[in-house]
Amino acid sequence: MEYVAGLVKVPAAELAKYDLAGAKRHRKQIREALGLRPSAFAGEGQLTVWPTAEVCPVESVEDRHREALLVECRARKIEPPGRTRIEKVLVAARGRWEKAFCTRTIERLGRRGTARLPALVAEDDEDGTALPAVLKRAPAAVGRTPC
């Protein structure tokens, strides 16, 4: 109780008097005052589509995905979902993005390129020149000579 009281800058004794049953009502009042819609009404499907199309293609850092989603919620006047829901939305968005990325990549490679992929990622070959073997031996940037 002391910790929460410190966060909201209210004496702990006063916070102890707070009617938690009234919290839903207060939350609704705060949403109305800020002009926000509950995230449940906004549709999480839409919240998943946006980062798939706009964030995942240009940003790989997960914390930045989260920040971008919160900014988008503010812009759309949607109450941000809780931490667990945000993670679920972002996991779904990343999954959609990865699937779309892989599909586009395979399409661009064509049959011939796709047929050559197994040889490219083979763990071992007779002369030890398979890409994964080379990278394990000398994990320098590909195409650069290690120092």
Protein backbone atom coordinates (compact mmCIF):
# COMPACT_ATOMS: atom_id res chain seq x y z
CA MET A 1 0.00 0.00 0.00
CA GLU A 2 2.89 2.35 0.82
CA TYR A 3 4.40 1.78 -2.60
CA VAL A 4 1.19 2.58 -4.48
CA ALA A 5 0.57 5.59 -2.26
CA GLY A 6 4.02 6.87 -3.18
CA LEU A 7 3.30 6.42 -6.88
CA VAL A 8 0.10 8.43 -6.76
CA LYS A 9 1.50 10.88 -4.19
CA VAL A 10 -1.26 10.27 -1.67
CA PRO A 11 -0.78 9.44 2.01
CA ALA A 12 -1.09 5.69 2.58
CA ALA A 13 -3.83 6.25 5.17
CA GLU A 14 -5.92 8.10 2.58
CA LEU A 15 -5.31 5.47 -0.06
CA ALA A 16 -6.46 2.76 2.35
CA LYS A 17 -9.86 4.48 2.44
CA TYR A 18 -10.21 4.26 -1.35
CA ASP A 19 -13.12 2.12 -2.45
CA LEU A 20 -11.61 -0.33 -4.92
CA ALA A 21 -15.09 -1.25 -6.10
CA GLY A 22 -15.40 2.30 -7.38
CA ALA A 23 -12.20 1.97 -9.41
CA LYS A 24 -14.10 0.82 -12.51
CA ARG A 25 -16.30 3.89 -12.31
CA HIS A 26 -13.26 6.14 -11.91
CA ARG A 27 -11.52 4.44 -14.80
CA LYS A 28 -14.56 5.10 -16.97
CA GLN A 29 -14.60 8.74 -15.87
CA ILE A 30 -10.92 9.12 -16.70
CA ARG A 31 -11.45 7.56 -20.14
CA GLU A 32 -14.34 9.92 -20.81
CA ALA A 33 -12.36 12.95 -19.64
CA LEU A 34 -9.46 12.03 -21.93
CA GLY A 35 -11.71 11.02 -24.81
CA LEU A 36 -10.44 7.45 -24.89
CA ARG A 37 -12.25 4.30 -25.94
CA PRO A 38 -11.67 1.04 -24.08
CA SER A 39 -9.19 -1.12 -25.97
CA ALA A 40 -11.66 -4.02 -25.99
CA PHE A 41 -13.97 -1.99 -28.24
CA ALA A 42 -11.16 -0.95 -30.54
CA GLY A 43 -10.61 -4.53 -31.60
CA GLU A 44 -7.29 -6.15 -30.97
CA GLY A 45 -7.28 -7.39 -34.53
CA GLN A 46 -6.78 -3.83 -35.72
CA LEU A 47 -4.08 -3.29 -33.12
CA THR A 48 -2.29 -6.34 -34.51
CA VAL A 49 -2.61 -5.28 -38.14
CA TRP A 50 -1.04 -1.87 -37.59
CA PRO A 51 2.34 -3.01 -36.15
CA THR A 52 2.49 -5.82 -38.72
CA ALA A 53 2.31 -3.30 -41.54
CA GLU A 54 3.99 -0.25 -40.03
CA VAL A 55 6.41 -1.21 -37.26
CA CYS A 56 7.75 -4.72 -37.81
CA PRO A 57 9.15 -3.99 -41.30
CA VAL A 58 11.30 -1.12 -40.03
CA GLU A 59 12.06 -1.91 -36.40
CA SER A 60 13.45 -5.09 -34.87
CA VAL A 61 13.79 -4.00 -31.22
CA GLU A 62 10.86 -5.35 -29.21
CA ASP A 63 10.79 -2.46 -26.73
CA ARG A 64 10.36 -0.07 -29.63
CA HIS A 65 7.46 -2.17 -30.93
CA ARG A 66 5.79 -1.69 -27.54
CA GLU A 67 6.48 2.05 -27.51
CA ALA A 68 5.12 2.44 -31.04
CA LEU A 69 1.96 0.55 -30.15
CA LEU A 70 1.36 2.78 -27.13
CA VAL A 71 1.87 5.90 -29.26
CA GLU A 72 -0.57 4.54 -31.82
CA CYS A 73 -3.14 3.84 -29.09
CA ARG A 74 -2.87 7.46 -27.98
CA ALA A 75 -3.21 8.69 -31.55
CA ARG A 76 -6.32 6.54 -32.05
CA LYS A 77 -7.71 7.61 -28.67
CA ILE A 78 -7.72 4.02 -27.42
CA GLU A 79 -7.03 3.15 -23.82
CA PRO A 80 -3.82 1.13 -23.99
CA PRO A 81 -4.32 -2.55 -23.22
CA GLY A 82 -2.59 -4.05 -20.21
CA ARG A 83 0.97 -5.34 -20.40
CA THR A 84 -0.10 -8.94 -21.05
CA ARG A 85 -2.48 -7.96 -23.86
CA ILE A 86 0.17 -5.73 -25.41
CA GLU A 87 2.59 -8.65 -25.47
CA LYS A 88 -0.04 -10.89 -27.09
CA VAL A 89 -0.79 -8.24 -29.72
CA LEU A 90 2.91 -7.79 -30.48
CA VAL A 91 3.62 -11.53 -30.63
CA ALA A 92 0.76 -11.91 -33.11
CA ALA A 93 2.00 -8.93 -35.14
CA ARG A 94 5.56 -10.27 -35.28
CA GLY A 95 4.25 -13.69 -36.27
CA ARG A 96 2.21 -12.20 -39.11
CA TRP A 97 5.16 -10.11 -40.25
CA GLU A 98 7.59 -13.05 -40.22
CA LYS A 99 5.19 -15.24 -42.15
CA ALA A 100 4.60 -12.52 -44.76
CA PHE A 101 8.33 -11.80 -44.99
CA CYS A 102 9.20 -15.46 -45.52
CA THR A 103 6.44 -15.89 -48.09
CA ARG A 104 7.64 -12.86 -50.07
CA THR A 105 11.25 -14.02 -49.85
CA ILE A 106 10.43 -17.52 -51.12
CA GLU A 107 8.37 -16.03 -53.95
CA ARG A 108 11.24 -13.75 -54.94
CA LEU A 109 13.75 -16.60 -54.87
CA GLY A 110 11.69 -18.64 -57.29
CA ARG A 111 11.93 -22.40 -57.70
CA ARG A 112 15.61 -22.45 -58.48
CA GLY A 113 16.62 -20.30 -55.52
CA THR A 114 14.33 -22.17 -53.18
CA ALA A 115 15.79 -25.49 -54.32
CA ARG A 116 19.29 -24.22 -53.47
CA LEU A 117 18.41 -23.15 -49.89
CA PRO A 118 19.01 -26.55 -48.23
CA ALA A 119 22.56 -26.63 -49.59
CA LEU A 120 23.17 -23.10 -48.32
CA VAL A 121 22.22 -23.94 -44.76
CA ALA A 122 23.64 -27.46 -44.67
CA GLU A 123 25.49 -28.02 -41.41
CA ASP A 124 28.33 -29.94 -42.97
CA ASP A 125 29.73 -30.78 -46.32
CA GLU A 126 32.78 -32.71 -47.43
CA ASP A 127 35.20 -29.79 -47.55
CA GLY A 128 33.76 -27.83 -44.58
CA THR A 129 32.78 -24.84 -46.68
CA ALA A 130 29.06 -24.81 -45.86
CA LEU A 131 28.05 -21.35 -44.67
CA PRO A 132 27.07 -22.39 -41.10
CA ALA A 133 30.39 -24.24 -40.72
CA VAL A 134 32.35 -21.22 -41.94
CA LEU A 135 30.46 -18.89 -39.61
CA LYS A 136 31.08 -21.16 -36.63
CA ARG A 137 34.81 -21.30 -37.35
CA ALA A 138 35.22 -17.56 -37.89
CA PRO A 139 32.22 -15.55 -36.69
CA ALA A 140 33.40 -12.34 -38.38
CA ALA A 141 31.10 -10.50 -40.73
CA VAL A 142 30.41 -12.53 -43.85
CA GLY A 143 32.72 -11.47 -46.65
CA ARG A 144 35.28 -9.95 -44.29
CA THR A 145 38.52 -11.46 -43.20
CA PRO A 146 38.73 -11.86 -39.41
CA CYS A 147 41.39 -9.73 -37.75
